[in-house]
Amino acid sequence: MNVLRAAIGILGLALLGLVIWAAVAMQNLHGSFFDQIAVVTTLPWGIAMLADLYVGFVLFASIVFLTERSWLVAALWAAPIFILGNLWAALWLVIRLPHLAKQLSKPDWPTS
């Protein structure tokens, strides 16, 4: 379990590094974030990848809502994923993985 949490944490930090690199490189090279998104959305694979990304966010948010005990806590964890992306998902997984593993190991989960 700790190895998996560490791996998720390392992947999250690597993704953070990539985001920081992209933000720094963007200032010098190819225009603003919105300029670059405008280009990506003109490409068929760009549209498909963005759709895949946001469908993944919805699926992950669904898991958050299924596992958190409070609707408010679930909403506070799920909403930022649509802006912060998988960095936020990695943080949630590092924090909640032991509880999630315990829930998944219950023989009667899910109950309905």
PDB file of N, CA and C in Angstrom:
ATOM      1  N   MET A   1       0.822  -1.192   0.000  1.00  0.00           N
ATOM      2  CA  MET A   1       0.000   0.000   0.000  1.00  0.00           C
ATOM      3  C   MET A   1       0.868   1.260   0.000  1.00  0.00           C
ATOM      4  N   ASN A   2       1.890   1.280   0.842  1.00  0.00           N
ATOM      5  CA  ASN A   2       2.759   2.455   0.896  1.00  0.00           C
ATOM      6  C   ASN A   2       3.547   2.639  -0.395  1.00  0.00           C
ATOM      7  N   VAL A   3       3.894   1.533  -1.046  1.00  0.00           N
ATOM      8  CA  VAL A   3       4.602   1.624  -2.325  1.00  0.00           C
ATOM      9  C   VAL A   3       3.681   2.255  -3.372  1.00  0.00           C
ATOM     10  N   LEU A   4       2.433   1.846  -3.386  1.00  0.00           N
ATOM     11  CA  LEU A   4       1.468   2.406  -4.335  1.00  0.00           C
ATOM     12  C   LEU A   4       1.238   3.889  -4.055  1.00  0.00           C
ATOM     13  N   ARG A   5       1.080   4.242  -2.791  1.00  0.00           N
ATOM     14  CA  ARG A   5       0.908   5.655  -2.429  1.00  0.00           C
ATOM     15  C   ARG A   5       2.131   6.468  -2.853  1.00  0.00           C
ATOM     16  N   ALA A   6       3.321   5.928  -2.644  1.00  0.00           N
ATOM     17  CA  ALA A   6       4.543   6.627  -3.042  1.00  0.00           C
ATOM     18  C   ALA A   6       4.604   6.781  -4.558  1.00  0.00           C
ATOM     19  N   ALA A   7       4.247   5.729  -5.287  1.00  0.00           N
ATOM     20  CA  ALA A   7       4.258   5.794  -6.752  1.00  0.00           C
ATOM     21  C   ALA A   7       3.276   6.845  -7.254  1.00  0.00           C
ATOM     22  N   ILE A   8       2.093   6.888  -6.672  1.00  0.00           N
ATOM     23  CA  ILE A   8       1.101   7.891  -7.060  1.00  0.00           C
ATOM     24  C   ILE A   8       1.623   9.292  -6.731  1.00  0.00           C
ATOM     25  N   GLY A   9       2.231   9.442  -5.564  1.00  0.00           N
ATOM     26  CA  GLY A   9       2.812  10.731  -5.184  1.00  0.00           C
ATOM     27  C   GLY A   9       3.905  11.169  -6.129  1.00  0.00           C
ATOM     28  N   ILE A  10       4.769  10.242  -6.516  1.00  0.00           N
ATOM     29  CA  ILE A  10       5.855  10.555  -7.457  1.00  0.00           C
ATOM     30  C   ILE A  10       5.286  10.951  -8.820  1.00  0.00           C
ATOM     31  N   LEU A  11       4.285  10.219  -9.284  1.00  0.00           N
ATOM     32  CA  LEU A  11       3.650  10.572 -10.559  1.00  0.00           C
ATOM     33  C   LEU A  11       2.999  11.948 -10.478  1.00  0.00           C
ATOM     34  N   GLY A  12       2.361  12.236  -9.347  1.00  0.00           N
ATOM     35  CA  GLY A  12       1.757  13.551  -9.159  1.00  0.00           C
ATOM     36  C   GLY A  12       2.801  14.658  -9.184  1.00  0.00           C
ATOM     37  N   LEU A  13       3.931  14.432  -8.514  1.00  0.00           N
ATOM     38  CA  LEU A  13       5.012  15.428  -8.526  1.00  0.00           C
ATOM     39  C   LEU A  13       5.614  15.587  -9.919  1.00  0.00           C
ATOM     40  N   ALA A  14       5.741  14.481 -10.641  1.00  0.00           N
ATOM     41  CA  ALA A  14       6.241  14.558 -12.016  1.00  0.00           C
ATOM     42  C   ALA A  14       5.281  15.369 -12.881  1.00  0.00           C
ATOM     43  N   LEU A  15       3.999  15.154 -12.700  1.00  0.00           N
ATOM     44  CA  LEU A  15       3.004  15.919 -13.442  1.00  0.00           C
ATOM     45  C   LEU A  15       3.060  17.396 -13.061  1.00  0.00           C
ATOM     46  N   LEU A  16       3.244  17.684 -11.784  1.00  0.00           N
ATOM     47  CA  LEU A  16       3.401  19.069 -11.345  1.00  0.00           C
ATOM     48  C   LEU A  16       4.609  19.712 -12.026  1.00  0.00           C
ATOM     49  N   GLY A  17       5.716  18.988 -12.086  1.00  0.00           N
ATOM     50  CA  GLY A  17       6.906  19.490 -12.768  1.00  0.00           C
ATOM     51  C   GLY A  17       6.634  19.771 -14.236  1.00  0.00           C
ATOM     52  N   LEU A  18       5.905  18.895 -14.886  1.00  0.00           N
ATOM     53  CA  LEU A  18       5.563  19.085 -16.296  1.00  0.00           C
ATOM     54  C   LEU A  18       4.687  20.315 -16.492  1.00  0.00           C
ATOM     55  N   VAL A  19       3.734  20.510 -15.594  1.00  0.00           N
ATOM     56  CA  VAL A  19       2.857  21.682 -15.673  1.00  0.00           C
ATOM     57  C   VAL A  19       3.661  22.971 -15.476  1.00  0.00           C
ATOM     58  N   ILE A  20       4.571  22.959 -14.510  1.00  0.00           N
ATOM     59  CA  ILE A  20       5.417  24.137 -14.274  1.00  0.00           C
ATOM     60  C   ILE A  20       6.293  24.411 -15.493  1.00  0.00           C
ATOM     61  N   TRP A  21       6.888  23.364 -16.050  1.00  0.00           N
ATOM     62  CA  TRP A  21       7.708  23.522 -17.253  1.00  0.00           C
ATOM     63  C   TRP A  21       6.882  24.122 -18.393  1.00  0.00           C
ATOM     64  N   ALA A  22       5.661  23.602 -18.596  1.00  0.00           N
ATOM     65  CA  ALA A  22       4.812  24.103 -19.678  1.00  0.00           C
ATOM     66  C   ALA A  22       4.454  25.567 -19.451  1.00  0.00           C
ATOM     67  N   ALA A  23       4.193  25.927 -18.199  1.00  0.00           N
ATOM     68  CA  ALA A  23       3.843  27.323 -17.904  1.00  0.00           C
ATOM     69  C   ALA A  23       5.012  28.254 -18.174  1.00  0.00           C
ATOM     70  N   VAL A  24       6.209  27.835 -17.817  1.00  0.00           N
ATOM     71  CA  VAL A  24       7.398  28.657 -18.057  1.00  0.00           C
ATOM     72  C   VAL A  24       7.709  28.720 -19.547  1.00  0.00           C
ATOM     73  N   ALA A  25       7.665  27.597 -20.232  1.00  0.00           N
ATOM     74  CA  ALA A  25       7.969  27.550 -21.664  1.00  0.00           C
ATOM     75  C   ALA A  25       6.940  28.338 -22.468  1.00  0.00           C
ATOM     76  N   MET A  26       5.702  28.324 -22.016  1.00  0.00           N
ATOM     77  CA  MET A  26       4.625  28.993 -22.735  1.00  0.00           C
ATOM     78  C   MET A  26       4.869  30.496 -22.816  1.00  0.00           C
ATOM     79  N   GLN A  27       5.433  31.070 -21.774  1.00  0.00           N
ATOM     80  CA  GLN A  27       5.663  32.508 -21.761  1.00  0.00           C
ATOM     81  C   GLN A  27       6.641  32.931 -22.848  1.00  0.00           C
ATOM     82  N   ASN A  28       7.551  32.065 -23.224  1.00  0.00           N
ATOM     83  CA  ASN A  28       8.598  32.410 -24.180  1.00  0.00           C
ATOM     84  C   ASN A  28       8.320  31.963 -25.606  1.00  0.00           C
ATOM     85  N   LEU A  29       7.385  31.027 -25.799  1.00  0.00           N
ATOM     86  CA  LEU A  29       7.305  30.390 -27.106  1.00  0.00           C
ATOM     87  C   LEU A  29       6.032  30.651 -27.901  1.00  0.00           C
ATOM     88  N   HIS A  30       4.928  30.170 -27.430  1.00  0.00           N
ATOM     89  CA  HIS A  30       3.777  30.001 -28.310  1.00  0.00           C
ATOM     90  C   HIS A  30       2.506  30.729 -27.870  1.00  0.00           C
ATOM     91  N   GLY A  31       2.614  31.793 -27.159  1.00  0.00           N
ATOM     92  CA  GLY A  31       1.419  32.530 -26.763  1.00  0.00           C
ATOM     93  C   GLY A  31       0.843  32.035 -25.450  1.00  0.00           C
ATOM     94  N   SER A  32      -0.308  32.568 -25.117  1.00  0.00           N
ATOM     95  CA  SER A  32      -0.948  32.280 -23.830  1.00  0.00           C
ATOM     96  C   SER A  32      -1.548  30.877 -23.807  1.00  0.00           C
ATOM     97  N   PHE A  33      -1.959  30.466 -22.637  1.00  0.00           N
ATOM     98  CA  PHE A  33      -2.639  29.185 -22.452  1.00  0.00           C
ATOM     99  C   PHE A  33      -3.853  29.104 -23.378  1.00  0.00           C
ATOM    100  N   PHE A  34      -4.634  30.173 -23.411  1.00  0.00           N
ATOM    101  CA  PHE A  34      -5.850  30.170 -24.226  1.00  0.00           C
ATOM    102  C   PHE A  34      -5.531  30.157 -25.722  1.00  0.00           C
ATOM    103  N   ASP A  35      -4.440  30.785 -26.124  1.00  0.00           N
ATOM    104  CA  ASP A  35      -4.008  30.703 -27.525  1.00  0.00           C
ATOM    105  C   ASP A  35      -3.687  29.259 -27.898  1.00  0.00           C
ATOM    106  N   GLN A  36      -3.002  28.574 -27.012  1.00  0.00           N
ATOM    107  CA  GLN A  36      -2.612  27.194 -27.281  1.00  0.00           C
ATOM    108  C   GLN A  36      -3.823  26.255 -27.276  1.00  0.00           C
ATOM    109  N   ILE A  37      -4.751  26.466 -26.344  1.00  0.00           N
ATOM    110  CA  ILE A  37      -5.977  25.652 -26.319  1.00  0.00           C
ATOM    111  C   ILE A  37      -6.774  25.871 -27.598  1.00  0.00           C
ATOM    112  N   ALA A  38      -6.797  27.115 -28.085  1.00  0.00           N
ATOM    113  CA  ALA A  38      -7.497  27.407 -29.336  1.00  0.00           C
ATOM    114  C   ALA A  38      -6.925  26.590 -30.484  1.00  0.00           C
ATOM    115  N   VAL A  39      -5.612  26.409 -30.506  1.00  0.00           N
ATOM    116  CA  VAL A  39      -4.981  25.590 -31.548  1.00  0.00           C
ATOM    117  C   VAL A  39      -5.341  24.121 -31.355  1.00  0.00           C
ATOM    118  N   VAL A  40      -5.256  23.640 -30.129  1.00  0.00           N
ATOM    119  CA  VAL A  40      -5.551  22.223 -29.843  1.00  0.00           C
ATOM    120  C   VAL A  40      -6.981  21.884 -30.259  1.00  0.00           C
ATOM    121  N   THR A  41      -7.914  22.788 -30.009  1.00  0.00           N
ATOM    122  CA  THR A  41      -9.316  22.493 -30.325  1.00  0.00           C
ATOM    123  C   THR A  41      -9.634  22.569 -31.816  1.00  0.00           C
ATOM    124  N   THR A  42      -8.663  22.937 -32.635  1.00  0.00           N
ATOM    125  CA  THR A  42      -8.859  22.873 -34.088  1.00  0.00           C
ATOM    126  C   THR A  42      -8.445  21.523 -34.654  1.00  0.00           C
ATOM    127  N   LEU A  43      -7.782  20.708 -33.846  1.00  0.00           N
ATOM    128  CA  LEU A  43      -7.273  19.411 -34.302  1.00  0.00           C
ATOM    129  C   LEU A  43      -8.209  18.292 -33.845  1.00  0.00           C
ATOM    130  N   PRO A  44      -8.569  17.359 -34.729  1.00  0.00           N
ATOM    131  CA  PRO A  44      -9.449  16.260 -34.320  1.00  0.00           C
ATOM    132  C   PRO A  44      -8.914  15.487 -33.108  1.00  0.00           C
ATOM    133  N   TRP A  45      -7.618  15.174 -33.107  1.00  0.00           N
ATOM    134  CA  TRP A  45      -7.075  14.449 -31.954  1.00  0.00           C
ATOM    135  C   TRP A  45      -7.015  15.334 -30.714  1.00  0.00           C
ATOM    136  N   GLY A  46      -6.869  16.622 -30.898  1.00  0.00           N
ATOM    137  CA  GLY A  46      -6.909  17.540 -29.766  1.00  0.00           C
ATOM    138  C   GLY A  46      -8.274  17.521 -29.102  1.00  0.00           C
ATOM    139  N   ILE A  47      -9.329  17.551 -29.906  1.00  0.00           N
ATOM    140  CA  ILE A  47     -10.693  17.492 -29.376  1.00  0.00           C
ATOM    141  C   ILE A  47     -10.930  16.152 -28.694  1.00  0.00           C
ATOM    142  N   ALA A  48     -10.495  15.059 -29.328  1.00  0.00           N
ATOM    143  CA  ALA A  48     -10.677  13.728 -28.737  1.00  0.00           C
ATOM    144  C   ALA A  48      -9.934  13.607 -27.409  1.00  0.00           C
ATOM    145  N   MET A  49      -8.724  14.147 -27.331  1.00  0.00           N
ATOM    146  CA  MET A  49      -7.941  14.050 -26.089  1.00  0.00           C
ATOM    147  C   MET A  49      -8.557  14.903 -24.985  1.00  0.00           C
ATOM    148  N   LEU A  50      -9.056  16.077 -25.312  1.00  0.00           N
ATOM    149  CA  LEU A  50      -9.727  16.897 -24.304  1.00  0.00           C
ATOM    150  C   LEU A  50     -11.008  16.237 -23.816  1.00  0.00           C
ATOM    151  N   ALA A  51     -11.762  15.636 -24.742  1.00  0.00           N
ATOM    152  CA  ALA A  51     -12.972  14.916 -24.339  1.00  0.00           C
ATOM    153  C   ALA A  51     -12.615  13.739 -23.424  1.00  0.00           C
ATOM    154  N   ASP A  52     -11.583  13.000 -23.778  1.00  0.00           N
ATOM    155  CA  ASP A  52     -11.121  11.886 -22.955  1.00  0.00           C
ATOM    156  C   ASP A  52     -10.711  12.375 -21.566  1.00  0.00           C
ATOM    157  N   LEU A  53     -10.007  13.478 -21.518  1.00  0.00           N
ATOM    158  CA  LEU A  53      -9.558  14.049 -20.253  1.00  0.00           C
ATOM    159  C   LEU A  53     -10.740  14.388 -19.352  1.00  0.00           C
ATOM    160  N   TYR A  54     -11.731  15.072 -19.902  1.00  0.00           N
ATOM    161  CA  TYR A  54     -12.863  15.488 -19.079  1.00  0.00           C
ATOM    162  C   TYR A  54     -13.806  14.340 -18.746  1.00  0.00           C
ATOM    163  N   VAL A  55     -13.929  13.360 -19.606  1.00  0.00           N
ATOM    164  CA  VAL A  55     -14.690  12.156 -19.238  1.00  0.00           C
ATOM    165  C   VAL A  55     -13.992  11.461 -18.069  1.00  0.00           C
ATOM    166  N   GLY A  56     -12.671  11.397 -18.109  1.00  0.00           N
ATOM    167  CA  GLY A  56     -11.907  10.835 -16.987  1.00  0.00           C
ATOM    168  C   GLY A  56     -12.127  11.613 -15.706  1.00  0.00           C
ATOM    169  N   PHE A  57     -12.198  12.934 -15.805  1.00  0.00           N
ATOM    170  CA  PHE A  57     -12.480  13.749 -14.620  1.00  0.00           C
ATOM    171  C   PHE A  57     -13.850  13.407 -14.039  1.00  0.00           C
ATOM    172  N   VAL A  58     -14.845  13.241 -14.898  1.00  0.00           N
ATOM    173  CA  VAL A  58     -16.189  12.891 -14.431  1.00  0.00           C
ATOM    174  C   VAL A  58     -16.177  11.503 -13.773  1.00  0.00           C
ATOM    175  N   LEU A  59     -15.467  10.551 -14.380  1.00  0.00           N
ATOM    176  CA  LEU A  59     -15.387   9.208 -13.792  1.00  0.00           C
ATOM    177  C   LEU A  59     -14.692   9.254 -12.440  1.00  0.00           C
ATOM    178  N   PHE A  60     -13.607  10.012 -12.331  1.00  0.00           N
ATOM    179  CA  PHE A  60     -12.909  10.118 -11.065  1.00  0.00           C
ATOM    180  C   PHE A  60     -13.783  10.814 -10.021  1.00  0.00           C
ATOM    181  N   ALA A  61     -14.471  11.883 -10.421  1.00  0.00           N
ATOM    182  CA  ALA A  61     -15.372  12.576  -9.498  1.00  0.00           C
ATOM    183  C   ALA A  61     -16.465  11.621  -9.006  1.00  0.00           C
ATOM    184  N   SER A  62     -16.927  10.718  -9.863  1.00  0.00           N
ATOM    185  CA  SER A  62     -17.928   9.724  -9.455  1.00  0.00           C
ATOM    186  C   SER A  62     -17.380   8.821  -8.357  1.00  0.00           C
ATOM    187  N   ILE A  63     -16.125   8.402  -8.491  1.00  0.00           N
ATOM    188  CA  ILE A  63     -15.502   7.572  -7.459  1.00  0.00           C
ATOM    189  C   ILE A  63     -15.397   8.347  -6.154  1.00  0.00           C
ATOM    190  N   VAL A  64     -15.042   9.614  -6.241  1.00  0.00           N
ATOM    191  CA  VAL A  64     -14.961  10.449  -5.039  1.00  0.00           C
ATOM    192  C   VAL A  64     -16.328  10.502  -4.357  1.00  0.00           C
ATOM    193  N   PHE A  65     -17.378  10.741  -5.127  1.00  0.00           N
ATOM    194  CA  PHE A  65     -18.724  10.815  -4.540  1.00  0.00           C
ATOM    195  C   PHE A  65     -19.182   9.483  -3.963  1.00  0.00           C
ATOM    196  N   LEU A  66     -18.755   8.380  -4.557  1.00  0.00           N
ATOM    197  CA  LEU A  66     -19.137   7.069  -4.034  1.00  0.00           C
ATOM    198  C   LEU A  66     -18.400   6.696  -2.752  1.00  0.00           C
ATOM    199  N   THR A  67     -17.228   7.263  -2.533  1.00  0.00           N
ATOM    200  CA  THR A  67     -16.422   6.827  -1.395  1.00  0.00           C
ATOM    201  C   THR A  67     -16.391   7.808  -0.233  1.00  0.00           C
ATOM    202  N   GLU A  68     -16.613   9.087  -0.477  1.00  0.00           N
ATOM    203  CA  GLU A  68     -16.616  10.048   0.622  1.00  0.00           C
ATOM    204  C   GLU A  68     -17.930   9.936   1.392  1.00  0.00           C
ATOM    205  N   ARG A  69     -17.872  10.106   2.680  1.00  0.00           N
ATOM    206  CA  ARG A  69     -19.064   9.953   3.524  1.00  0.00           C
ATOM    207  C   ARG A  69     -19.998  11.149   3.442  1.00  0.00           C
ATOM    208  N   SER A  70     -19.453  12.319   3.237  1.00  0.00           N
ATOM    209  CA  SER A  70     -20.244  13.549   3.210  1.00  0.00           C
ATOM    210  C   SER A  70     -20.342  14.065   1.781  1.00  0.00           C
ATOM    211  N   TRP A  71     -21.554  14.462   1.401  1.00  0.00           N
ATOM    212  CA  TRP A  71     -21.752  15.024   0.075  1.00  0.00           C
ATOM    213  C   TRP A  71     -20.930  16.293  -0.086  1.00  0.00           C
ATOM    214  N   LEU A  72     -20.868  17.132   0.956  1.00  0.00           N
ATOM    215  CA  LEU A  72     -20.116  18.379   0.888  1.00  0.00           C
ATOM    216  C   LEU A  72     -18.621  18.116   0.721  1.00  0.00           C
ATOM    217  N   VAL A  73     -18.081  17.172   1.482  1.00  0.00           N
ATOM    218  CA  VAL A  73     -16.665  16.817   1.361  1.00  0.00           C
ATOM    219  C   VAL A  73     -16.385  16.278  -0.042  1.00  0.00           C
ATOM    220  N   ALA A  74     -17.275  15.439  -0.538  1.00  0.00           N
ATOM    221  CA  ALA A  74     -17.107  14.895  -1.890  1.00  0.00           C
ATOM    222  C   ALA A  74     -17.089  16.018  -2.929  1.00  0.00           C
ATOM    223  N   ALA A  75     -17.999  16.979  -2.788  1.00  0.00           N
ATOM    224  CA  ALA A  75     -18.051  18.092  -3.746  1.00  0.00           C
ATOM    225  C   ALA A  75     -16.782  18.936  -3.668  1.00  0.00           C
ATOM    226  N   LEU A  76     -16.272  19.142  -2.458  1.00  0.00           N
ATOM    227  CA  LEU A  76     -15.049  19.938  -2.306  1.00  0.00           C
ATOM    228  C   LEU A  76     -13.825  19.217  -2.873  1.00  0.00           C
ATOM    229  N   TRP A  77     -13.838  17.900  -2.856  1.00  0.00           N
ATOM    230  CA  TRP A  77     -12.738  17.129  -3.468  1.00  0.00           C
ATOM    231  C   TRP A  77     -12.937  16.984  -4.974  1.00  0.00           C
ATOM    232  N   ALA A  78     -14.193  16.841  -5.428  1.00  0.00           N
ATOM    233  CA  ALA A  78     -14.450  16.554  -6.840  1.00  0.00           C
ATOM    234  C   ALA A  78     -14.369  17.802  -7.721  1.00  0.00           C
ATOM    235  N   ALA A  79     -14.871  18.919  -7.258  1.00  0.00           N
ATOM    236  CA  ALA A  79     -14.947  20.115  -8.108  1.00  0.00           C
ATOM    237  C   ALA A  79     -13.585  20.596  -8.618  1.00  0.00           C
ATOM    238  N   PRO A  80     -12.550  20.658  -7.782  1.00  0.00           N
ATOM    239  CA  PRO A  80     -11.270  21.186  -8.285  1.00  0.00           C
ATOM    240  C   PRO A  80     -10.609  20.343  -9.369  1.00  0.00           C
ATOM    241  N   ILE A  81     -11.016  19.077  -9.505  1.00  0.00           N
ATOM    242  CA  ILE A  81     -10.370  18.245 -10.521  1.00  0.00           C
ATOM    243  C   ILE A  81     -10.595  18.801 -11.925  1.00  0.00           C
ATOM    244  N   PHE A  82     -11.709  19.518 -12.120  1.00  0.00           N
ATOM    245  CA  PHE A  82     -12.011  20.050 -13.448  1.00  0.00           C
ATOM    246  C   PHE A  82     -11.127  21.239 -13.805  1.00  0.00           C
ATOM    247  N   ILE A  83     -10.417  21.786 -12.822  1.00  0.00           N
ATOM    248  CA  ILE A  83      -9.477  22.890 -13.067  1.00  0.00           C
ATOM    249  C   ILE A  83      -8.041  22.427 -12.849  1.00  0.00           C
ATOM    250  N   LEU A  84      -7.797  21.718 -11.748  1.00  0.00           N
ATOM    251  CA  LEU A  84      -6.439  21.308 -11.392  1.00  0.00           C
ATOM    252  C   LEU A  84      -6.046  19.966 -12.000  1.00  0.00           C
ATOM    253  N   GLY A  85      -7.019  19.235 -12.514  1.00  0.00           N
ATOM    254  CA  GLY A  85      -6.744  17.988 -13.216  1.00  0.00           C
ATOM    255  C   GLY A  85      -6.225  16.870 -12.328  1.00  0.00           C
ATOM    256  N   ASN A  86      -5.409  16.040 -12.920  1.00  0.00           N
ATOM    257  CA  ASN A  86      -4.941  14.836 -12.238  1.00  0.00           C
ATOM    258  C   ASN A  86      -3.943  15.109 -11.121  1.00  0.00           C
ATOM    259  N   LEU A  87      -3.429  16.326 -11.031  1.00  0.00           N
ATOM    260  CA  LEU A  87      -2.648  16.686  -9.845  1.00  0.00           C
ATOM    261  C   LEU A  87      -3.528  16.548  -8.611  1.00  0.00           C
ATOM    262  N   TRP A  88      -4.763  17.034  -8.719  1.00  0.00           N
ATOM    263  CA  TRP A  88      -5.718  16.962  -7.614  1.00  0.00           C
ATOM    264  C   TRP A  88      -6.126  15.504  -7.351  1.00  0.00           C
ATOM    265  N   ALA A  89      -6.304  14.737  -8.408  1.00  0.00           N
ATOM    266  CA  ALA A  89      -6.655  13.325  -8.261  1.00  0.00           C
ATOM    267  C   ALA A  89      -5.537  12.567  -7.549  1.00  0.00           C
ATOM    268  N   ALA A  90      -4.288  12.856  -7.890  1.00  0.00           N
ATOM    269  CA  ALA A  90      -3.156  12.196  -7.233  1.00  0.00           C
ATOM    270  C   ALA A  90      -3.116  12.537  -5.753  1.00  0.00           C
ATOM    271  N   LEU A  91      -3.375  13.800  -5.416  1.00  0.00           N
ATOM    272  CA  LEU A  91      -3.393  14.194  -4.005  1.00  0.00           C
ATOM    273  C   LEU A  91      -4.484  13.449  -3.254  1.00  0.00           C
ATOM    274  N   TRP A  92      -5.684  13.394  -3.828  1.00  0.00           N
ATOM    275  CA  TRP A  92      -6.793  12.673  -3.185  1.00  0.00           C
ATOM    276  C   TRP A  92      -6.430  11.204  -2.989  1.00  0.00           C
ATOM    277  N   LEU A  93      -5.852  10.586  -4.008  1.00  0.00           N
ATOM    278  CA  LEU A  93      -5.491   9.171  -3.895  1.00  0.00           C
ATOM    279  C   LEU A  93      -4.411   8.932  -2.837  1.00  0.00           C
ATOM    280  N   VAL A  94      -3.410   9.793  -2.775  1.00  0.00           N
ATOM    281  CA  VAL A  94      -2.363   9.625  -1.758  1.00  0.00           C
ATOM    282  C   VAL A  94      -2.971   9.695  -0.362  1.00  0.00           C
ATOM    283  N   ILE A  95      -3.893  10.632  -0.174  1.00  0.00           N
ATOM    284  CA  ILE A  95      -4.515  10.801   1.145  1.00  0.00           C
ATOM    285  C   ILE A  95      -5.516   9.690   1.445  1.00  0.00           C
ATOM    286  N   ARG A  96      -6.351   9.331   0.486  1.00  0.00           N
ATOM    287  CA  ARG A  96      -7.492   8.445   0.741  1.00  0.00           C
ATOM    288  C   ARG A  96      -7.260   6.972   0.395  1.00  0.00           C
ATOM    289  N   LEU A  97      -6.117   6.626  -0.154  1.00  0.00           N
ATOM    290  CA  LEU A  97      -5.897   5.251  -0.607  1.00  0.00           C
ATOM    291  C   LEU A  97      -6.100   4.199   0.489  1.00  0.00           C
ATOM    292  N   PRO A  98      -5.597   4.385   1.701  1.00  0.00           N
ATOM    293  CA  PRO A  98      -5.843   3.359   2.722  1.00  0.00           C
ATOM    294  C   PRO A  98      -7.340   3.151   2.997  1.00  0.00           C
ATOM    295  N   HIS A  99      -8.090   4.247   3.097  1.00  0.00           N
ATOM    296  CA  HIS A  99      -9.533   4.137   3.329  1.00  0.00           C
ATOM    297  C   HIS A  99     -10.226   3.490   2.131  1.00  0.00           C
ATOM    298  N   LEU A 100      -9.819   3.880   0.946  1.00  0.00           N
ATOM    299  CA  LEU A 100     -10.410   3.323  -0.268  1.00  0.00           C
ATOM    300  C   LEU A 100     -10.143   1.819  -0.367  1.00  0.00           C
ATOM    301  N   ALA A 101      -8.922   1.407  -0.062  1.00  0.00           N
ATOM    302  CA  ALA A 101      -8.582  -0.022  -0.092  1.00  0.00           C
ATOM    303  C   ALA A 101      -9.414  -0.794   0.920  1.00  0.00           C
ATOM    304  N   LYS A 102      -9.615  -0.204   2.088  1.00  0.00           N
ATOM    305  CA  LYS A 102     -10.435  -0.862   3.112  1.00  0.00           C
ATOM    306  C   LYS A 102     -11.876  -1.015   2.632  1.00  0.00           C
ATOM    307  N   GLN A 103     -12.414   0.033   1.996  1.00  0.00           N
ATOM    308  CA  GLN A 103     -13.779  -0.041   1.476  1.00  0.00           C
ATOM    309  C   GLN A 103     -13.901  -1.098   0.382  1.00  0.00           C
ATOM    310  N   LEU A 104     -12.926  -1.154  -0.501  1.00  0.00           N
ATOM    311  CA  LEU A 104     -12.985  -2.097  -1.610  1.00  0.00           C
ATOM    312  C   LEU A 104     -12.803  -3.540  -1.170  1.00  0.00           C
ATOM    313  N   SER A 105     -12.183  -3.754  -0.018  1.00  0.00           N
ATOM    314  CA  SER A 105     -11.967  -5.124   0.454  1.00  0.00           C
ATOM    315  C   SER A 105     -13.156  -5.681   1.211  1.00  0.00           C
ATOM    316  N   LYS A 106     -14.159  -4.859   1.489  1.00  0.00           N
ATOM    317  CA  LYS A 106     -15.364  -5.347   2.172  1.00  0.00           C
ATOM    318  C   LYS A 106     -16.117  -6.274   1.225  1.00  0.00           C
ATOM    319  N   PRO A 107     -16.533  -7.434   1.696  1.00  0.00           N
ATOM    320  CA  PRO A 107     -17.210  -8.377   0.793  1.00  0.00           C
ATOM    321  C   PRO A 107     -18.556  -7.886   0.293  1.00  0.00           C
ATOM    322  N   ASP A 108     -19.215  -6.993   1.005  1.00  0.00           N
ATOM    323  CA  ASP A 108     -20.540  -6.536   0.590  1.00  0.00           C
ATOM    324  C   ASP A 108     -20.521  -5.178  -0.088  1.00  0.00           C
ATOM    325  N   TRP A 109     -19.334  -4.659  -0.434  1.00  0.00           N
ATOM    326  CA  TRP A 109     -19.273  -3.343  -1.064  1.00  0.00           C
ATOM    327  C   TRP A 109     -19.304  -3.477  -2.564  1.00  0.00           C
ATOM    328  N   PRO A 110     -20.078  -2.766  -3.327  1.00  0.00           N
ATOM    329  CA  PRO A 110     -21.116  -1.826  -2.911  1.00  0.00           C
ATOM    330  C   PRO A 110     -22.360  -2.563  -2.439  1.00  0.00           C
ATOM    331  N   THR A 111     -23.135  -1.907  -1.609  1.00  0.00           N
ATOM    332  CA  THR A 111     -24.266  -2.595  -0.964  1.00  0.00           C
ATOM    333  C   THR A 111     -25.510  -2.654  -1.821  1.00  0.00           C
ATOM    334  N   SER A 112     -25.628  -1.803  -2.832  1.00  0.00           N
ATOM    335  CA  SER A 112     -26.862  -1.872  -3.616  1.00  0.00           C
ATOM    336  C   SER A 112     -26.586  -1.968  -5.089  1.00  0.00           C
TER     337      SER A 112
END
